[in-house]
C-alpha atoms as a PDB file:
ATOM      1  CA  UNK A   1      95.846  74.189 123.841  1.00  0.00           C
ATOM      2  CA  UNK A   2      99.595  73.901 124.471  1.00  0.00           C
ATOM      3  CA  UNK A   3     102.130  76.275 122.942  1.00  0.00           C
ATOM      4  CA  UNK A   4     103.717  73.363 121.071  1.00  0.00           C
ATOM      5  CA  UNK A   5     100.367  72.402 119.536  1.00  0.00           C
ATOM      6  CA  UNK A   6      99.686  76.005 118.485  1.00  0.00           C
ATOM      7  CA  UNK A   7     103.082  76.346 116.781  1.00  0.00           C
ATOM      8  CA  UNK A   8     102.592  72.994 115.019  1.00  0.00           C
ATOM      9  CA  UNK A   9      99.212  74.076 113.648  1.00  0.00           C
ATOM     10  CA  UNK A  10     100.651  77.353 112.379  1.00  0.00           C
ATOM     11  CA  UNK A  11     103.736  75.834 110.731  1.00  0.00           C
ATOM     12  CA  UNK A  12     102.616  72.370 109.560  1.00  0.00           C
ATOM     13  CA  UNK A  13     103.678  71.485 106.035  1.00  0.00           C
ATOM     14  CA  UNK A  14     101.330  72.352 103.183  1.00  0.00           C
ATOM     15  CA  UNK A  15      99.529  69.587 101.335  1.00  0.00           C
ATOM     16  CA  UNK A  16      96.926  69.172  98.570  1.00  0.00           C
ATOM     17  CA  UNK A  17      94.009  69.698 100.975  1.00  0.00           C
ATOM     18  CA  UNK A  18      95.272  72.224 103.491  1.00  0.00           C
ATOM     19  CA  UNK A  19      97.862  74.984 103.806  1.00  0.00           C
ATOM     20  CA  UNK A  20      99.581  76.024 107.008  1.00  0.00           C
ATOM     21  CA  UNK A  21      98.366  79.146 108.776  1.00  0.00           C
ATOM     22  CA  UNK A  22     101.792  80.690 108.268  1.00  0.00           C
ATOM     23  CA  UNK A  23     101.604  80.137 104.496  1.00  0.00           C
ATOM     24  CA  UNK A  24      98.151  81.742 104.385  1.00  0.00           C
ATOM     25  CA  UNK A  25      99.103  84.706 106.585  1.00  0.00           C
ATOM     26  CA  UNK A  26     102.309  85.450 104.646  1.00  0.00           C
ATOM     27  CA  UNK A  27     100.529  85.077 101.295  1.00  0.00           C
ATOM     28  CA  UNK A  28      97.817  87.586 102.122  1.00  0.00           C
ATOM     29  CA  UNK A  29     100.133  90.045 103.895  1.00  0.00           C
ATOM     30  CA  UNK A  30     102.455  90.184 100.892  1.00  0.00           C
ATOM     31  CA  UNK A  31      99.608  90.171  98.351  1.00  0.00           C
ATOM     32  CA  UNK A  32      97.680  93.034  99.944  1.00  0.00           C
ATOM     33  CA  UNK A  33     100.836  95.049 100.641  1.00  0.00           C
ATOM     34  CA  UNK A  34     102.236  94.669  97.114  1.00  0.00           C
ATOM     35  CA  UNK A  35      98.928  95.507  95.431  1.00  0.00           C
ATOM     36  CA  UNK A  36      98.512  98.576  97.650  1.00  0.00           C
ATOM     37  CA  UNK A  37     102.119  99.766  97.221  1.00  0.00           C
ATOM     38  CA  UNK A  38     102.000  99.252  93.448  1.00  0.00           C
ATOM     39  CA  UNK A  39      98.705 101.144  93.168  1.00  0.00           C
ATOM     40  CA  UNK A  40     100.051 103.991  95.331  1.00  0.00           C
ATOM     41  CA  UNK A  41     103.289 104.009  93.323  1.00  0.00           C
ATOM     42  CA  UNK A  42     101.366 104.424  90.071  1.00  0.00           C
ATOM     43  CA  UNK A  43      99.287 107.185  91.613  1.00  0.00           C
ATOM     44  CA  UNK A  44     102.373 109.012  92.935  1.00  0.00           C
ATOM     45  CA  UNK A  45     104.198 108.855  89.617  1.00  0.00           C
ATOM     46  CA  UNK A  46     101.192 110.088  87.640  1.00  0.00           C
ATOM     47  CA  UNK A  47     100.197 112.896  90.027  1.00  0.00           C
ATOM     48  CA  UNK A  48     103.660 113.771  91.410  1.00  0.00           C
ATOM     49  CA  UNK A  49     102.323 113.555  94.959  1.00  0.00           C
ATOM     50  CA  UNK A  50     105.708 113.924  96.650  1.00  0.00           C
ATOM     51  CA  UNK A  51     104.298 113.804 100.195  1.00  0.00           C
ATOM     52  CA  UNK A  52     103.453 110.115  99.775  1.00  0.00           C
ATOM     53  CA  UNK A  53     107.004 109.064  98.885  1.00  0.00           C
ATOM     54  CA  UNK A  54     108.367 108.751 102.463  1.00  0.00           C
ATOM     55  CA  UNK A  55     105.330 106.652 103.449  1.00  0.00           C
ATOM     56  CA  UNK A  56     105.659 104.500 100.326  1.00  0.00           C
ATOM     57  CA  UNK A  57     109.368 103.917 101.011  1.00  0.00           C
ATOM     58  CA  UNK A  58     108.813 103.125 104.693  1.00  0.00           C
ATOM     59  CA  UNK A  59     106.155 100.515 104.008  1.00  0.00           C
ATOM     60  CA  UNK A  60     108.248  99.147 101.132  1.00  0.00           C
ATOM     61  CA  UNK A  61     111.184  98.476 103.465  1.00  0.00           C
ATOM     62  CA  UNK A  62     108.941  96.891 106.103  1.00  0.00           C
ATOM     63  CA  UNK A  63     107.216  94.675 103.537  1.00  0.00           C
ATOM     64  CA  UNK A  64     110.629  93.584 102.233  1.00  0.00           C
ATOM     65  CA  UNK A  65     111.308  91.812 105.539  1.00  0.00           C
ATOM     66  CA  UNK A  66     107.925  90.045 105.367  1.00  0.00           C
ATOM     67  CA  UNK A  67     108.697  89.035 101.777  1.00  0.00           C
ATOM     68  CA  UNK A  68     112.041  87.536 102.815  1.00  0.00           C
ATOM     69  CA  UNK A  69     110.302  85.587 105.599  1.00  0.00           C
ATOM     70  CA  UNK A  70     107.842  84.264 103.018  1.00  0.00           C
ATOM     71  CA  UNK A  71     110.697  83.255 100.692  1.00  0.00           C
ATOM     72  CA  UNK A  72     112.469  81.467 103.563  1.00  0.00           C
ATOM     73  CA  UNK A  73     109.243  79.652 104.452  1.00  0.00           C
ATOM     74  CA  UNK A  74     108.650  78.672 100.824  1.00  0.00           C
ATOM     75  CA  UNK A  75     112.197  77.262 100.545  1.00  0.00           C
ATOM     76  CA  UNK A  76     111.748  75.309 103.792  1.00  0.00           C
ATOM     77  CA  UNK A  77     108.199  74.171 103.048  1.00  0.00           C
ATOM     78  CA  UNK A  78     108.484  73.641  99.282  1.00  0.00           C
ATOM     79  CA  UNK A  79     105.788  74.355  96.707  1.00  0.00           C
ATOM     80  CA  UNK A  80     102.256  73.314  97.773  1.00  0.00           C
ATOM     81  CA  UNK A  81     100.945  70.196  96.100  1.00  0.00           C
ATOM     82  CA  UNK A  82      98.457  70.768  93.296  1.00  0.00           C
ATOM     83  CA  UNK A  83      94.855  70.512  94.473  1.00  0.00           C
ATOM     84  CA  UNK A  84      93.878  68.510  91.382  1.00  0.00           C
ATOM     85  CA  UNK A  85      95.087  66.857  88.191  1.00  0.00           C
ATOM     86  CA  UNK A  86      95.996  69.339  85.477  1.00  0.00           C
ATOM     87  CA  UNK A  87      97.706  69.292  82.114  1.00  0.00           C
ATOM     88  CA  UNK A  88     101.466  69.666  81.886  1.00  0.00           C
ATOM     89  CA  UNK A  89     101.004  73.076  80.210  1.00  0.00           C
ATOM     90  CA  UNK A  90      98.891  74.311  83.110  1.00  0.00           C
ATOM     91  CA  UNK A  91     101.492  73.071  85.605  1.00  0.00           C
ATOM     92  CA  UNK A  92     104.257  74.908  83.720  1.00  0.00           C
ATOM     93  CA  UNK A  93     102.239  78.144  83.472  1.00  0.00           C
ATOM     94  CA  UNK A  94     101.309  78.018  87.147  1.00  0.00           C
ATOM     95  CA  UNK A  95     104.922  77.450  88.194  1.00  0.00           C
ATOM     96  CA  UNK A  96     106.101  80.259  85.892  1.00  0.00           C
ATOM     97  CA  UNK A  97     103.608  82.748  87.338  1.00  0.00           C
ATOM     98  CA  UNK A  98     104.514  81.725  90.896  1.00  0.00           C
ATOM     99  CA  UNK A  99     108.218  82.222  90.194  1.00  0.00           C
ATOM    100  CA  UNK A 100     107.549  85.627  88.632  1.00  0.00           C
ATOM    101  CA  UNK A 101     105.544  86.618  91.707  1.00  0.00           C
ATOM    102  CA  UNK A 102     108.274  85.450  94.108  1.00  0.00           C
ATOM    103  CA  UNK A 103     111.125  87.125  92.215  1.00  0.00           C
ATOM    104  CA  UNK A 104     109.178  90.308  91.433  1.00  0.00           C
ATOM    105  CA  UNK A 105     108.086  90.820  95.037  1.00  0.00           C
ATOM    106  CA  UNK A 106     111.755  90.669  96.072  1.00  0.00           C
ATOM    107  CA  UNK A 107     113.003  92.814  93.182  1.00  0.00           C
ATOM    108  CA  UNK A 108     110.402  95.569  93.625  1.00  0.00           C
ATOM    109  CA  UNK A 109     111.533  96.821  97.063  1.00  0.00           C
ATOM    110  CA  UNK A 110     115.212  96.141  96.278  1.00  0.00           C
ATOM    111  CA  UNK A 111     115.078  98.198  93.057  1.00  0.00           C
ATOM    112  CA  UNK A 112     113.181 100.921  94.885  1.00  0.00           C
ATOM    113  CA  UNK A 113     115.815 101.085  97.616  1.00  0.00           C
ATOM    114  CA  UNK A 114     118.606 101.145  95.024  1.00  0.00           C
ATOM    115  CA  UNK A 115     116.917 104.013  93.182  1.00  0.00           C
ATOM    116  CA  UNK A 116     116.173 106.063  96.305  1.00  0.00           C
ATOM    117  CA  UNK A 117     119.570 105.437  97.853  1.00  0.00           C
ATOM    118  CA  UNK A 118     121.723 105.976  94.773  1.00  0.00           C
ATOM    119  CA  UNK A 119     119.731 109.019  93.617  1.00  0.00           C
ATOM    120  CA  UNK A 120     120.598 110.855  96.824  1.00  0.00           C
ATOM    121  CA  UNK A 121     117.010 111.048  98.077  1.00  0.00           C
ATOM    122  CA  UNK A 122     117.694 108.421 100.725  1.00  0.00           C
ATOM    123  CA  UNK A 123     115.182 106.205 102.500  1.00  0.00           C
ATOM    124  CA  UNK A 124     114.304 104.843 105.895  1.00  0.00           C
ATOM    125  CA  UNK A 125     111.421 103.612 108.031  1.00  0.00           C
ATOM    126  CA  UNK A 126     109.172 106.389 109.339  1.00  0.00           C
ATOM    127  CA  UNK A 127     111.991 108.737 110.282  1.00  0.00           C
ATOM    128  CA  UNK A 128     114.604 106.064 111.037  1.00  0.00           C
ATOM    129  CA  UNK A 129     117.268 106.712 108.390  1.00  0.00           C
ATOM    130  CA  UNK A 130     118.779 103.741 106.570  1.00  0.00           C
ATOM    131  CA  UNK A 131     120.426 105.595 103.673  1.00  0.00           C
ATOM    132  CA  UNK A 132     120.703 109.378 104.252  1.00  0.00           C
ATOM    133  CA  UNK A 133     119.719 111.857 101.582  1.00  0.00           C
ATOM    134  CA  UNK A 134     122.424 113.850  99.819  1.00  0.00           C
ATOM    135  CA  UNK A 135     120.795 117.268 100.008  1.00  0.00           C
ATOM    136  CA  UNK A 136     122.650 120.541  99.667  1.00  0.00           C
ATOM    137  CA  UNK A 137     122.878 122.348 103.018  1.00  0.00           C
ATOM    138  CA  UNK A 138     121.862 125.656 101.469  1.00  0.00           C
ATOM    139  CA  UNK A 139     119.013 124.190  99.399  1.00  0.00           C
ATOM    140  CA  UNK A 140     117.288 121.017 100.690  1.00  0.00           C
ATOM    141  CA  UNK A 141     115.500 120.621  97.354  1.00  0.00           C
ATOM    142  CA  UNK A 142     118.867 120.307  95.586  1.00  0.00           C
ATOM    143  CA  UNK A 143     119.785 116.600  95.611  1.00  0.00           C
ATOM    144  CA  UNK A 144     123.077 115.186  94.334  1.00  0.00           C
ATOM    145  CA  UNK A 145     123.034 111.495  93.328  1.00  0.00           C
ATOM    146  CA  UNK A 146     125.550 109.181  94.984  1.00  0.00           C
ATOM    147  CA  UNK A 147     125.643 107.227  91.706  1.00  0.00           C
ATOM    148  CA  UNK A 148     123.558 108.507  88.778  1.00  0.00           C
ATOM    149  CA  UNK A 149     123.878 105.331  86.683  1.00  0.00           C
ATOM    150  CA  UNK A 150     122.784 103.072  89.527  1.00  0.00           C
ATOM    151  CA  UNK A 151     119.906 105.414  90.332  1.00  0.00           C
ATOM    152  CA  UNK A 152     118.667 105.302  86.724  1.00  0.00           C
ATOM    153  CA  UNK A 153     118.948 101.511  86.611  1.00  0.00           C
ATOM    154  CA  UNK A 154     117.019 101.218  89.872  1.00  0.00           C
ATOM    155  CA  UNK A 155     114.300 103.553  88.605  1.00  0.00           C
ATOM    156  CA  UNK A 156     113.936 101.649  85.320  1.00  0.00           C
ATOM    157  CA  UNK A 157     113.792  98.265  87.053  1.00  0.00           C
ATOM    158  CA  UNK A 158     111.337  99.488  89.688  1.00  0.00           C
ATOM    159  CA  UNK A 159     108.925 100.663  87.001  1.00  0.00           C
ATOM    160  CA  UNK A 160     109.375  97.675  84.669  1.00  0.00           C
ATOM    161  CA  UNK A 161     109.046  95.129  87.462  1.00  0.00           C
ATOM    162  CA  UNK A 162     105.959  96.962  88.681  1.00  0.00           C
ATOM    163  CA  UNK A 163     104.160  96.396  85.379  1.00  0.00           C
ATOM    164  CA  UNK A 164     105.382  92.789  85.258  1.00  0.00           C
ATOM    165  CA  UNK A 165     104.052  92.273  88.779  1.00  0.00           C
ATOM    166  CA  UNK A 166     100.663  93.702  87.820  1.00  0.00           C
ATOM    167  CA  UNK A 167     100.426  91.255  84.894  1.00  0.00           C
ATOM    168  CA  UNK A 168     101.457  88.307  87.090  1.00  0.00           C
ATOM    169  CA  UNK A 169      98.933  89.252  89.792  1.00  0.00           C
ATOM    170  CA  UNK A 170      96.131  89.414  87.227  1.00  0.00           C
ATOM    171  CA  UNK A 171      97.103  85.994  85.822  1.00  0.00           C
ATOM    172  CA  UNK A 172      97.321  84.612  89.366  1.00  0.00           C
ATOM    173  CA  UNK A 173      93.819  85.863  90.212  1.00  0.00           C
ATOM    174  CA  UNK A 174      92.396  84.543  86.941  1.00  0.00           C
ATOM    175  CA  UNK A 175      94.026  81.162  87.620  1.00  0.00           C
ATOM    176  CA  UNK A 176      92.626  81.006  91.154  1.00  0.00           C
ATOM    177  CA  UNK A 177      89.121  81.829  89.908  1.00  0.00           C
ATOM    178  CA  UNK A 178      89.462  79.236  87.134  1.00  0.00           C
ATOM    179  CA  UNK A 179      90.332  76.573  89.711  1.00  0.00           C
ATOM    180  CA  UNK A 180      87.419  77.604  91.913  1.00  0.00           C
ATOM    181  CA  UNK A 181      84.689  78.127  89.313  1.00  0.00           C
ATOM    182  CA  UNK A 182      85.582  75.689  86.521  1.00  0.00           C
ATOM    183  CA  UNK A 183      87.713  73.003  88.156  1.00  0.00           C
ATOM    184  CA  UNK A 184      85.877  73.231  91.499  1.00  0.00           C
ATOM    185  CA  UNK A 185      88.989  72.194  93.409  1.00  0.00           C
ATOM    186  CA  UNK A 186      90.453  73.369  96.718  1.00  0.00           C
ATOM    187  CA  UNK A 187      93.105  75.749  95.318  1.00  0.00           C
ATOM    188  CA  UNK A 188      91.334  78.958  96.372  1.00  0.00           C
ATOM    189  CA  UNK A 189      89.556  77.466  99.376  1.00  0.00           C
ATOM    190  CA  UNK A 190      92.739  76.293 101.063  1.00  0.00           C
ATOM    191  CA  UNK A 191      94.317  79.741 100.628  1.00  0.00           C
ATOM    192  CA  UNK A 192      91.279  81.069 102.480  1.00  0.00           C
ATOM    193  CA  UNK A 193      91.925  78.559 105.258  1.00  0.00           C
ATOM    194  CA  UNK A 194      89.115  76.217 104.234  1.00  0.00           C
ATOM    195  CA  UNK A 195      88.986  72.639 103.000  1.00  0.00           C
ATOM    196  CA  UNK A 196      87.409  71.315  99.837  1.00  0.00           C
ATOM    197  CA  UNK A 197      83.836  70.027 100.223  1.00  0.00           C
ATOM    198  CA  UNK A 198      83.853  66.515 101.690  1.00  0.00           C
ATOM    199  CA  UNK A 199      87.375  66.845 103.159  1.00  0.00           C
END
């Protein structure tokens, strides 16, 4: 198989029967990463497990770049065609949930970076500093915010968007199962890289 053919198969435009490999890969990378990071974030905040914060921040920054690639691909590729005929209400709800997922997955890491950076805790990628912490030289546990108001806004948004994202993910999963079990269309199958029966 030639390199040109391989690239074409990975990046072909999505349609009602089949999604590109790139769409599928980006979808599952972002989905798994966001679910894992949100679950870990909830665990950290409830148990005050401070040791997990640098890992959480590092993966959050890395996932942000994958999210932006997915957004770029979605803009270039457009929304996938519906795999069946649905009511106008269902179309509107599906589009609304998809938009919430797109915007929330961008806003989650951005709000987290704003909170960590402005609060003086800083963040980076596994030891590579992006925004340095503002720790007192005599007492590393003493942190001075760069901007307290911005830090508070980032913290509030990070938490609020997290709960919004959880709700949107649940609705997205319920919708996918509804398409698969009740409508028996290719919506879920094509995201798994398969075609509808008879296609």
